N, C-alpha and C. Protein backbone atom coordinates (compact mmCIF):
# COMPACT_ATOMS: atom_id res chain seq x y z
N MET A 1 61.53 70.87 84.83
CA MET A 1 62.23 70.41 83.66
C MET A 1 62.60 71.61 82.80
N THR A 2 63.84 71.90 82.72
CA THR A 2 64.28 72.98 81.87
C THR A 2 64.87 72.39 80.60
N ALA A 3 64.27 72.72 79.51
CA ALA A 3 64.74 72.20 78.24
C ALA A 3 65.40 73.31 77.44
N GLN A 4 66.43 72.95 76.73
CA GLN A 4 67.09 73.93 75.89
C GLN A 4 66.91 73.49 74.44
N ILE A 5 65.87 74.02 73.83
CA ILE A 5 65.56 73.70 72.45
C ILE A 5 65.74 74.96 71.64
N LEU A 6 66.36 74.82 70.49
CA LEU A 6 66.54 75.95 69.60
C LEU A 6 65.21 76.21 68.89
N PHE A 7 64.55 77.31 69.28
CA PHE A 7 63.28 77.68 68.69
C PHE A 7 63.34 79.15 68.37
N GLN A 8 63.28 79.46 67.11
CA GLN A 8 63.35 80.86 66.68
C GLN A 8 61.93 81.38 66.55
N GLN A 9 61.50 82.05 67.60
CA GLN A 9 60.12 82.50 67.69
C GLN A 9 59.78 83.51 66.60
N LEU A 10 60.66 84.43 66.31
CA LEU A 10 60.37 85.45 65.30
C LEU A 10 60.26 84.84 63.91
N ALA A 11 61.13 83.91 63.59
CA ALA A 11 61.06 83.25 62.28
C ALA A 11 59.76 82.46 62.15
N TYR A 12 59.34 81.84 63.25
CA TYR A 12 58.09 81.09 63.26
C TYR A 12 56.90 82.02 63.05
N VAL A 13 56.91 83.17 63.73
CA VAL A 13 55.84 84.16 63.58
C VAL A 13 55.79 84.65 62.13
N ASP A 14 56.93 84.94 61.55
CA ASP A 14 56.98 85.40 60.16
C ASP A 14 56.40 84.35 59.21
N ARG A 15 56.74 83.07 59.42
CA ARG A 15 56.21 82.01 58.56
C ARG A 15 54.70 81.89 58.69
N LEU A 16 54.21 82.01 59.92
CA LEU A 16 52.76 81.93 60.11
C LEU A 16 52.05 83.11 59.45
N LYS A 17 52.63 84.30 59.55
CA LYS A 17 52.02 85.48 58.93
C LYS A 17 52.00 85.35 57.40
N LYS A 18 53.06 84.76 56.85
CA LYS A 18 53.09 84.53 55.40
C LYS A 18 52.04 83.50 55.00
N GLY A 19 51.71 82.61 55.91
CA GLY A 19 50.71 81.58 55.64
C GLY A 19 49.29 82.04 55.84
N GLY A 20 49.08 83.28 56.28
CA GLY A 20 47.73 83.81 56.42
C GLY A 20 47.28 84.08 57.84
N PHE A 21 48.11 83.84 58.82
CA PHE A 21 47.75 84.14 60.21
C PHE A 21 47.82 85.64 60.43
N THR A 22 47.00 86.13 61.34
CA THR A 22 47.13 87.53 61.75
C THR A 22 48.33 87.63 62.69
N ASP A 23 48.74 88.86 62.96
CA ASP A 23 49.89 89.06 63.86
C ASP A 23 49.60 88.49 65.24
N ASP A 24 48.41 88.75 65.77
CA ASP A 24 48.05 88.24 67.10
C ASP A 24 48.00 86.71 67.13
N GLN A 25 47.44 86.11 66.09
CA GLN A 25 47.37 84.65 66.03
C GLN A 25 48.76 84.04 65.97
N ALA A 26 49.62 84.63 65.16
CA ALA A 26 50.98 84.11 65.01
C ALA A 26 51.75 84.21 66.31
N ARG A 27 51.63 85.34 66.99
CA ARG A 27 52.33 85.51 68.28
C ARG A 27 51.81 84.55 69.33
N ALA A 28 50.49 84.39 69.39
CA ALA A 28 49.90 83.48 70.38
C ALA A 28 50.35 82.04 70.10
N SER A 29 50.38 81.65 68.85
CA SER A 29 50.83 80.30 68.49
C SER A 29 52.29 80.09 68.86
N ALA A 30 53.11 81.09 68.57
CA ALA A 30 54.54 80.98 68.88
C ALA A 30 54.77 80.88 70.39
N GLU A 31 54.03 81.66 71.17
CA GLU A 31 54.17 81.61 72.63
C GLU A 31 53.71 80.26 73.18
N ALA A 32 52.62 79.75 72.63
CA ALA A 32 52.11 78.45 73.08
C ALA A 32 53.10 77.34 72.74
N LEU A 33 53.68 77.40 71.55
CA LEU A 33 54.64 76.38 71.15
C LEU A 33 55.91 76.46 72.00
N GLU A 34 56.37 77.66 72.28
CA GLU A 34 57.56 77.81 73.12
C GLU A 34 57.31 77.28 74.52
N THR A 35 56.12 77.53 75.07
CA THR A 35 55.76 77.01 76.39
C THR A 35 55.71 75.48 76.37
N ALA A 36 55.14 74.92 75.32
CA ALA A 36 55.06 73.46 75.21
C ALA A 36 56.45 72.85 75.13
N PHE A 37 57.34 73.47 74.38
CA PHE A 37 58.71 72.97 74.29
C PHE A 37 59.40 73.01 75.64
N SER A 38 59.21 74.07 76.38
CA SER A 38 59.94 74.21 77.64
C SER A 38 59.35 73.35 78.75
N GLU A 39 58.09 72.96 78.65
CA GLU A 39 57.47 72.17 79.72
C GLU A 39 57.40 70.68 79.42
N ALA A 40 57.43 70.29 78.16
CA ALA A 40 57.14 68.90 77.82
C ALA A 40 58.35 68.10 77.39
N VAL A 41 59.54 68.66 77.51
CA VAL A 41 60.73 67.97 77.04
C VAL A 41 61.59 67.57 78.24
N ALA A 42 61.98 66.32 78.27
CA ALA A 42 62.84 65.84 79.35
C ALA A 42 64.30 66.14 79.03
N THR A 43 65.03 66.53 80.06
CA THR A 43 66.46 66.80 79.89
C THR A 43 67.25 65.54 80.23
N LYS A 44 68.55 65.58 79.99
CA LYS A 44 69.40 64.44 80.34
C LYS A 44 69.36 64.17 81.84
N ALA A 45 69.30 65.23 82.63
CA ALA A 45 69.24 65.06 84.09
C ALA A 45 67.94 64.36 84.49
N ASP A 46 66.84 64.71 83.83
CA ASP A 46 65.57 64.04 84.13
C ASP A 46 65.66 62.56 83.80
N LEU A 47 66.25 62.24 82.67
CA LEU A 47 66.39 60.84 82.27
C LEU A 47 67.30 60.07 83.21
N LYS A 48 68.37 60.70 83.68
CA LYS A 48 69.28 60.04 84.64
C LYS A 48 68.54 59.73 85.93
N GLU A 49 67.71 60.67 86.40
CA GLU A 49 66.95 60.48 87.63
C GLU A 49 65.97 59.31 87.49
N VAL A 50 65.27 59.26 86.38
CA VAL A 50 64.32 58.17 86.13
C VAL A 50 65.06 56.85 86.02
N GLU A 51 66.21 56.85 85.36
CA GLU A 51 67.00 55.64 85.21
C GLU A 51 67.45 55.11 86.57
N ALA A 52 67.87 56.00 87.46
CA ALA A 52 68.31 55.59 88.79
C ALA A 52 67.16 54.99 89.59
N ARG A 53 65.99 55.64 89.52
CA ARG A 53 64.83 55.11 90.25
C ARG A 53 64.40 53.77 89.69
N LEU A 54 64.43 53.63 88.38
CA LEU A 54 64.03 52.38 87.75
C LEU A 54 65.00 51.25 88.10
N SER A 55 66.29 51.55 88.10
CA SER A 55 67.28 50.53 88.48
C SER A 55 67.06 50.06 89.91
N LEU A 56 66.79 50.99 90.81
CA LEU A 56 66.53 50.63 92.21
C LEU A 56 65.28 49.75 92.32
N GLU A 57 64.23 50.13 91.61
CA GLU A 57 62.99 49.35 91.67
C GLU A 57 63.18 47.95 91.08
N ILE A 58 63.95 47.83 90.03
CA ILE A 58 64.22 46.52 89.43
C ILE A 58 65.00 45.65 90.42
N ALA A 59 65.98 46.23 91.10
CA ALA A 59 66.76 45.47 92.08
C ALA A 59 65.88 45.00 93.23
N GLN A 60 65.00 45.88 93.71
CA GLN A 60 64.10 45.49 94.79
C GLN A 60 63.15 44.38 94.36
N THR A 61 62.64 44.47 93.14
CA THR A 61 61.74 43.44 92.63
C THR A 61 62.46 42.10 92.48
N LYS A 62 63.71 42.16 92.02
CA LYS A 62 64.50 40.93 91.90
C LYS A 62 64.67 40.27 93.27
N ASN A 63 64.97 41.07 94.29
CA ASN A 63 65.12 40.53 95.64
C ASN A 63 63.83 39.91 96.14
N ASP A 64 62.70 40.56 95.86
CA ASP A 64 61.40 40.02 96.29
C ASP A 64 61.12 38.68 95.60
N ILE A 65 61.40 38.60 94.32
CA ILE A 65 61.15 37.36 93.58
C ILE A 65 62.03 36.23 94.12
N LEU A 66 63.30 36.52 94.36
CA LEU A 66 64.19 35.49 94.90
C LEU A 66 63.75 35.03 96.27
N ARG A 67 63.32 35.96 97.11
CA ARG A 67 62.86 35.60 98.44
C ARG A 67 61.65 34.68 98.36
N TRP A 68 60.67 35.00 97.53
CA TRP A 68 59.49 34.16 97.36
C TRP A 68 59.85 32.80 96.77
N PHE A 69 60.75 32.79 95.81
CA PHE A 69 61.16 31.54 95.16
C PHE A 69 61.79 30.58 96.17
N PHE A 70 62.75 31.07 96.94
CA PHE A 70 63.42 30.19 97.91
C PHE A 70 62.49 29.79 99.04
N GLY A 71 61.63 30.69 99.46
CA GLY A 71 60.65 30.35 100.50
C GLY A 71 59.70 29.27 100.02
N PHE A 72 59.22 29.41 98.80
CA PHE A 72 58.32 28.40 98.24
C PHE A 72 59.01 27.05 98.12
N ASN A 73 60.26 27.06 97.68
CA ASN A 73 61.01 25.80 97.55
C ASN A 73 61.21 25.13 98.91
N LEU A 74 61.49 25.89 99.95
CA LEU A 74 61.62 25.30 101.28
C LEU A 74 60.33 24.66 101.73
N VAL A 75 59.22 25.31 101.48
CA VAL A 75 57.92 24.75 101.85
C VAL A 75 57.66 23.47 101.07
N MET A 76 57.97 23.48 99.79
CA MET A 76 57.75 22.28 98.96
C MET A 76 58.62 21.12 99.42
N ILE A 77 59.88 21.39 99.75
CA ILE A 77 60.77 20.33 100.24
C ILE A 77 60.24 19.76 101.55
N GLY A 78 59.79 20.65 102.42
CA GLY A 78 59.20 20.18 103.69
C GLY A 78 57.97 19.34 103.46
N ALA A 79 57.13 19.75 102.51
CA ALA A 79 55.92 18.98 102.21
C ALA A 79 56.27 17.61 101.63
N ILE A 80 57.26 17.56 100.77
CA ILE A 80 57.68 16.28 100.17
C ILE A 80 58.21 15.34 101.25
N PHE A 81 59.07 15.84 102.16
CA PHE A 81 59.59 14.99 103.23
C PHE A 81 58.46 14.51 104.14
N THR A 82 57.49 15.35 104.40
CA THR A 82 56.36 14.96 105.25
C THR A 82 55.55 13.86 104.58
N ILE A 83 55.27 14.02 103.29
CA ILE A 83 54.52 13.01 102.56
C ILE A 83 55.26 11.69 102.53
N VAL A 84 56.59 11.74 102.25
CA VAL A 84 57.41 10.52 102.20
C VAL A 84 57.41 9.84 103.56
N LYS A 85 57.48 10.61 104.63
CA LYS A 85 57.51 10.06 105.98
C LYS A 85 56.21 9.32 106.28
N PHE A 86 55.06 9.86 105.89
CA PHE A 86 53.78 9.23 106.18
C PHE A 86 53.47 8.07 105.24
N VAL A 87 54.05 8.05 104.07
CA VAL A 87 53.79 6.97 103.11
C VAL A 87 54.51 5.71 103.55
N ARG A 88 55.65 5.79 104.14
CA ARG A 88 56.43 4.61 104.54
C ARG A 88 55.88 3.99 105.75
């Protein structure tokens, strides 16, 4: 997942140093945040891929439900005709 997020690492480091962080702490925090942004953000391509997989899975599930529904109805109709035949 390659994300393109506008993150100004030097400005972030400067703000942390003004807030009381040491230079090493500020740099480490900025590097960790930049890594988190680049690894944890989904791109449009990632979302399109998930959308395609989800659409396929929904279609397959719909087909499975319809197959079970019609199969069950056929069995029920057969059972009803059998019961009616033996009752008469």
